[in-house]
Structure formats: C-alpha cells, structure tokens
Amino acid sequence: MNYLEALAAEWYEYSGYFVRTNVRTRKRAKGGWDVELDVLAYLPARKELVHIETSGDADSWNQRRQRMLTKKFVLSKQEYEDLLGCQIDHLRRIALLGWTRSIKEVQHWGEGIEVELIPSFLQRIADTLKERDPMKQAVPEGYPILRSMQMMVGFCD
C-alpha cells in the first residue's frame, strides 16, 4: 500500500467508515484478478460506499482519466454490493491524484467520478486536525500518518 492509499484509508476510518484496502475482484478463471481497488470506505448509517483510487504519477490528465475509466472505476453498483454483501444507497468514486493546487480545465470524467487533488485532500485533513488540540484530542496512535499530521499542524509554525 502506498502513502496516498494509507492516508486515505486512515482518514476515512478515522472519520467513522469501515475501510478495506487493496481489494481484489473479478477473479479470472485461470487465476489472478482483473481489478484491484485501492480503498473502499463504507458508512453503514448512510449506506454510503466511497471508492478511492490514488495516484501520484506524472501522467497527463488524459492518460489519468483513461486509466481510471478503463481499469479502476469499472465496477457496477451491483458488483460493489455483491463484494460488500450489503446494500449501497450512496456511491461515490474519488480519483485522488495530481500534485498541483488547481486544474486549468474542468475535469468531466463521467460515471460520477470526483477528481480530488492531493494538495486539496491534504489541506482538508490539516484544516480538520487544526481544530483538535493534540494535547486534549489526540488522534489515536492507530493512525500514525494522521497523528503525525496533527502534531505538525498543532506544534509547528
């Protein structure tokens, strides 16, 4: 699991979701799997599934879009439900990528795929953690990346 997958998994679990990482699906008849999902986060109270695919690559936006649409976000809602063994009322697909602070052109990837830039994701986490005093509301030690971020935003100028 890479850093972005680990961070996304920690963040969603810390936020109350049940999380699985590196989930393999669509088993091949002669062995192996066709699809590996980076992060699945399920919130039972809302019956919401969030499927997050991460990439820190330097590919063009068109290459990223093509890869996400043909290799990553390929499961139907029914396949997600079969995989989880429960009903999904809300399905979100998030492509977490791009080491830039803004995208020059609007990204329309269809299939309900949200593009979230890595710096925006980091900022969103940092903003939330800034509101929690590390001496009184420390992130539990089971989330080492988030706890490190909390200490950074809490104690560094």
Protein backbone atom coordinates (compact mmCIF):
# COMPACT_ATOMS: atom_id res chain seq x y z
CA MET A 1 0.00 0.00 0.00
CA ASN A 2 1.44 3.38 -0.94
CA TYR A 3 1.39 6.57 1.12
CA LEU A 4 -1.74 8.03 -0.52
CA GLU A 5 -3.68 4.79 -0.08
CA ALA A 6 -2.60 4.59 3.56
CA LEU A 7 -3.53 8.23 4.18
CA ALA A 8 -6.94 7.87 2.54
CA ALA A 9 -7.61 4.65 4.46
CA GLU A 10 -6.65 6.26 7.77
CA TRP A 11 -8.69 9.38 7.07
CA TYR A 12 -11.89 7.56 6.19
CA GLU A 13 -11.55 5.08 9.07
CA TYR A 14 -10.84 7.96 11.48
CA SER A 15 -13.97 9.62 10.07
CA GLY A 16 -16.15 6.64 11.01
CA TYR A 17 -16.09 4.48 7.89
CA PHE A 18 -15.31 0.77 7.75
CA VAL A 19 -12.31 0.53 5.43
CA ARG A 20 -10.71 -2.15 3.27
CA THR A 21 -7.65 -1.64 1.12
CA ASN A 22 -6.23 -3.35 -1.94
CA VAL A 23 -9.44 -5.28 -2.57
CA ARG A 24 -9.17 -7.73 -5.45
CA THR A 25 -12.23 -8.58 -7.51
CA ARG A 26 -13.33 -10.08 -10.82
CA LYS A 27 -11.45 -13.35 -10.36
CA ARG A 28 -10.01 -14.82 -13.55
CA ALA A 29 -10.84 -18.41 -14.48
CA LYS A 30 -7.14 -19.33 -14.74
CA GLY A 31 -6.10 -17.46 -11.60
CA GLY A 32 -5.46 -13.89 -10.60
CA TRP A 33 -7.75 -10.91 -10.59
CA ASP A 34 -8.81 -8.33 -13.16
CA VAL A 35 -9.35 -5.42 -10.76
CA GLU A 36 -7.71 -4.18 -7.57
CA LEU A 37 -9.46 -1.39 -5.68
CA ASP A 38 -7.21 0.91 -3.65
CA VAL A 39 -9.59 1.93 -0.85
CA LEU A 40 -13.21 1.09 -0.10
CA ALA A 41 -14.82 3.00 2.76
CA TYR A 42 -18.35 2.12 3.90
CA LEU A 43 -20.52 4.18 6.24
CA PRO A 44 -23.38 1.92 7.41
CA ALA A 45 -25.58 4.70 8.83
CA ARG A 46 -25.89 6.25 5.37
CA LYS A 47 -25.31 3.06 3.37
CA GLU A 48 -22.60 5.05 1.62
CA LEU A 49 -19.66 3.49 -0.17
CA VAL A 50 -16.68 5.59 -1.15
CA HIS A 51 -14.27 4.03 -3.64
CA ILE A 52 -10.95 5.93 -3.70
CA GLU A 53 -8.25 5.38 -6.30
CA THR A 54 -4.97 7.18 -5.71
CA SER A 55 -2.06 8.06 -7.95
CA GLY A 56 0.97 10.28 -7.54
CA ASP A 57 2.04 9.77 -11.15
CA ALA A 58 3.21 12.42 -13.60
CA ASP A 59 0.96 11.28 -16.45
CA SER A 60 -1.14 13.73 -18.43
CA TRP A 61 -4.71 14.35 -17.31
CA ASN A 62 -5.97 12.48 -20.38
CA GLN A 63 -3.83 9.44 -19.52
CA ARG A 64 -5.04 9.51 -15.92
CA ARG A 65 -8.65 9.83 -17.00
CA GLN A 66 -8.32 6.93 -19.43
CA ARG A 67 -6.69 4.67 -16.81
CA MET A 68 -9.32 5.50 -14.19
CA LEU A 69 -12.22 4.88 -16.58
CA THR A 70 -10.90 1.66 -18.10
CA LYS A 71 -9.04 -0.02 -15.23
CA LYS A 72 -10.09 1.45 -11.90
CA PHE A 73 -13.71 2.64 -11.80
CA VAL A 74 -15.16 -0.27 -13.73
CA LEU A 75 -17.46 -1.96 -11.22
CA SER A 76 -21.23 -1.59 -11.35
CA LYS A 77 -23.20 -0.70 -8.24
CA GLN A 78 -24.37 -4.33 -8.10
CA GLU A 79 -20.77 -5.58 -8.16
CA TYR A 80 -19.91 -3.29 -5.24
CA GLU A 81 -22.96 -4.58 -3.32
CA ASP A 82 -22.01 -8.20 -4.05
CA LEU A 83 -18.45 -7.52 -2.93
CA LEU A 84 -19.57 -5.90 0.33
CA GLY A 85 -22.58 -8.11 0.92
CA CYS A 86 -24.85 -5.17 1.69
CA GLN A 87 -26.99 -2.50 0.09
CA ILE A 88 -25.47 0.78 -1.09
CA ASP A 89 -27.70 3.85 -1.27
CA HIS A 90 -24.90 6.34 -2.00
CA LEU A 91 -21.89 5.52 -4.16
CA ARG A 92 -19.01 7.95 -4.51
CA ARG A 93 -15.96 7.39 -6.69
CA ILE A 94 -12.96 9.59 -5.98
CA ALA A 95 -9.80 9.84 -8.08
CA LEU A 96 -7.22 11.26 -5.66
CA LEU A 97 -4.35 12.49 -7.78
CA GLY A 98 -2.33 15.40 -9.11
CA TRP A 99 0.40 17.27 -7.27
CA THR A 100 -0.99 20.64 -8.31
CA ARG A 101 -3.20 23.10 -6.49
CA SER A 102 -5.57 23.68 -9.39
CA ILE A 103 -6.61 22.18 -12.68
CA LYS A 104 -6.63 24.54 -15.64
CA GLU A 105 -9.53 22.84 -17.38
CA VAL A 106 -12.61 21.40 -15.76
CA GLN A 107 -12.45 17.63 -15.44
CA HIS A 108 -15.62 15.86 -16.59
CA TRP A 109 -14.91 12.19 -16.13
CA GLY A 110 -18.48 10.91 -16.15
CA GLU A 111 -19.62 7.88 -14.17
CA GLY A 112 -19.93 10.10 -11.10
CA ILE A 113 -16.17 10.24 -10.61
CA GLU A 114 -14.94 13.10 -8.44
CA VAL A 115 -11.41 14.35 -9.05
CA GLU A 116 -9.76 15.47 -5.83
CA LEU A 117 -6.31 17.00 -6.00
CA ILE A 118 -3.79 15.66 -3.50
CA PRO A 119 -2.92 19.11 -2.07
CA SER A 120 -6.64 19.82 -1.52
CA PHE A 121 -7.07 16.50 0.29
CA LEU A 122 -4.06 17.23 2.49
CA GLN A 123 -5.38 20.73 3.22
CA ARG A 124 -8.84 19.40 4.12
CA ILE A 125 -7.31 16.96 6.59
CA ALA A 126 -4.97 19.60 8.03
CA ASP A 127 -7.84 22.07 8.47
CA THR A 128 -9.85 19.48 10.40
CA LEU A 129 -6.91 18.46 12.57
CA LYS A 130 -6.04 22.09 13.35
CA GLU A 131 -9.35 22.31 15.23
CA ARG A 132 -8.38 19.44 17.57
CA ASP A 133 -5.92 20.17 20.37
CA PRO A 134 -3.23 17.47 20.20
CA MET A 135 -2.93 17.51 23.99
CA LYS A 136 -6.66 17.05 24.60
CA GLN A 137 -7.98 15.39 21.43
CA ALA A 138 -5.00 13.50 20.06
CA VAL A 139 -5.56 11.33 17.02
CA PRO A 140 -5.34 7.72 18.28
CA GLU A 141 -1.98 6.01 17.83
CA GLY A 142 -3.52 3.53 15.39
CA TYR A 143 -3.47 6.29 12.78
CA PRO A 144 0.24 7.17 12.57
CA ILE A 145 0.04 9.35 9.46
CA LEU A 146 -2.89 11.40 10.78
CA ARG A 147 -1.31 11.65 14.22
CA SER A 148 1.91 12.96 12.66
CA MET A 149 -0.08 15.49 10.66
CA GLN A 150 -1.91 16.60 13.80
CA MET A 151 1.37 17.14 15.63
CA MET A 152 2.74 19.11 12.67
CA VAL A 153 -0.25 21.43 12.44
CA GLY A 154 -0.52 21.69 16.23
CA PHE A 155 3.07 22.40 17.12
CA CYS A 156 4.83 23.80 14.04
CA ASP A 157 4.53 27.35 12.77
